[in-house]
Amino acid sequence: MSEDTWLAARLIPTSGINGADEQERRATSALLAVMSAVREFGRALTQPLGAPAGAVQTYIEVPFKLGDGKFFPDGLIRVSRGQREWTALVEVKTGSNELQVEQLERYLDIARDQGFDALLTISNQIPPVPGQHPTAVDKRKLKKVALHHLPWSEVLTAAVMQKEYRGVADPDQAWVLGELIRYLEHPKSGALEFSDMGPNWVSFRESIGAGTLRATDAAVADVAGRFDALIRFAGLKLGRRLGTEIVPALTRRELAEPATRTQALVTQVTTTGLMTGGLRISGAVGALFVSADIRAGKITCYVDVDAPREGKPTTRVNWLVRQLKQAPETVRLESFAAYSRGPGNTELLRAVRENPGLLVGDPTKELRMFRVAANSAAGTKRGTGRGSFIESVLSAVDDFYEQVIQNLKPWMQAPPRLRAPEEVVVEPVSASLVSTAISSQDGPQETKGDAEPAPA
């Protein structure tokens, strides 16, 4: 047979996975082993959780006694540096398996009794807000033990960014990290991407179409949370391609109180049929916002760009148009003037290319901001694949960044320029401009009585 059909030996093979328990055990062992073997990767995952920058030791299925029972958390991580030691229990779920409240509270009790610092959970559940845990546990159990969560998609993103962009000093360790990435990207690993808008998706869409959706409906909060999770996943996926950190565009209050973000989204969708989320991309001209119009079946991606602070209105419009050479002509542009209320002047890119004045309403008013937006069709299916809502959002985000945002640069004022000597023109002083007023810089003045007598 041809060598093209031969399968390369893998450090972490996906073959031989029989059942959810085997899948979970293999994913846990592979991840923890690579965390201890690849120093930079282990540090990238543990330092944000509060661990010191030290040597990482990992263990799987460590037995502990609690009351009359004996329990086996999936793993344990210990980071040591000098006299300081940080220890966390690890609970892992793969596939569609979800974290269980009773199990987590039991492990929190074990961690407290053992004097450990934290409990880390890893699953395919993606909380809408970073730092939020997908499972609501008794907060009294969190007084002495911290509870952290990492979605598998975030673990994969951290591994890709460390290997491809931040770098691994040792070539052999870099190869080991690459094998983990290869394993996690395989469908059999159980480290799935965001793949479901939830069981309430169909009834949610139907209620919006019929105009019967209410803020008190259970489906609203569930779908709103999944939409935010989808936006966060879109950022993680795009971040893997760009090699930069992308985080949800949330206010400080929304980060501190995730319930306020969910409530705002519930209010928006019940009153307008829209759900809007944003992503902050390091180095980009502005945040990328995604607005899903469920009633109209439309996805809109847009970015707000500050206009230049000098030049005529049409000059400022041309500054923007020149940067959109790679953008589709159906992209929509909107201009906002200073001290103006309501919507600005709106036109498609193809028309503005021919006549920049279409975005100038009142020439006497200064243009302060532009909005660049692109529309696409929204899928209706709750899962993944062609025709799904998830795929339509992911494609819209990737396309808008590639065609628009990555080509936009913020305006910068030109620095003052030194003039050459021949450019300096000295105007002759006119006699009529000479001041006759006495100055402190003048010498002694002769008075009329001090004048010398005229010669005889």
Foldseek 3Di string as FASTA:
>chain_A
DDPVPDDDDFPQDLPPQDDFVSLFLSLLVLVLVLLQVFLVLVCLPCVVVPADSAHKDKDAQDWDDDDPDIGTQGMKIWGDDDPDIAIETEHEGFAPDDDDQVVVLVVLVRCVVVVHAEYEYEYQDFWLAAPDDPDDYDCVSPPRHYYYYDYLLNSLLSLLLDLPPVHGPDPVSSVSSVSSNVLLPDPSSRRDADWFLDPCQVVVLVCLQVLNDDLPDPSLLSNLRSVSRLVQSLQSVVCSVVSFHKHKPDDPVCNVPVVVVSSVQSVCCSVQVKGKTWMDTPPWQFIWMWIARSNVQKIKIKGKAWFDPDDFQLVRLVVQLVLQPQADQQKKKAWDFPPDDDGFQIDTSVVCVVPVCSRPDDRVTHTTMMMIMDMDGAARDRTDDPRHRSVRVSVVVVVCCVNPTVSDDHDDDDDDDDDDPVVDDDDDDDPVPDDPDDDPPDDDDDDPVPDDDDDD
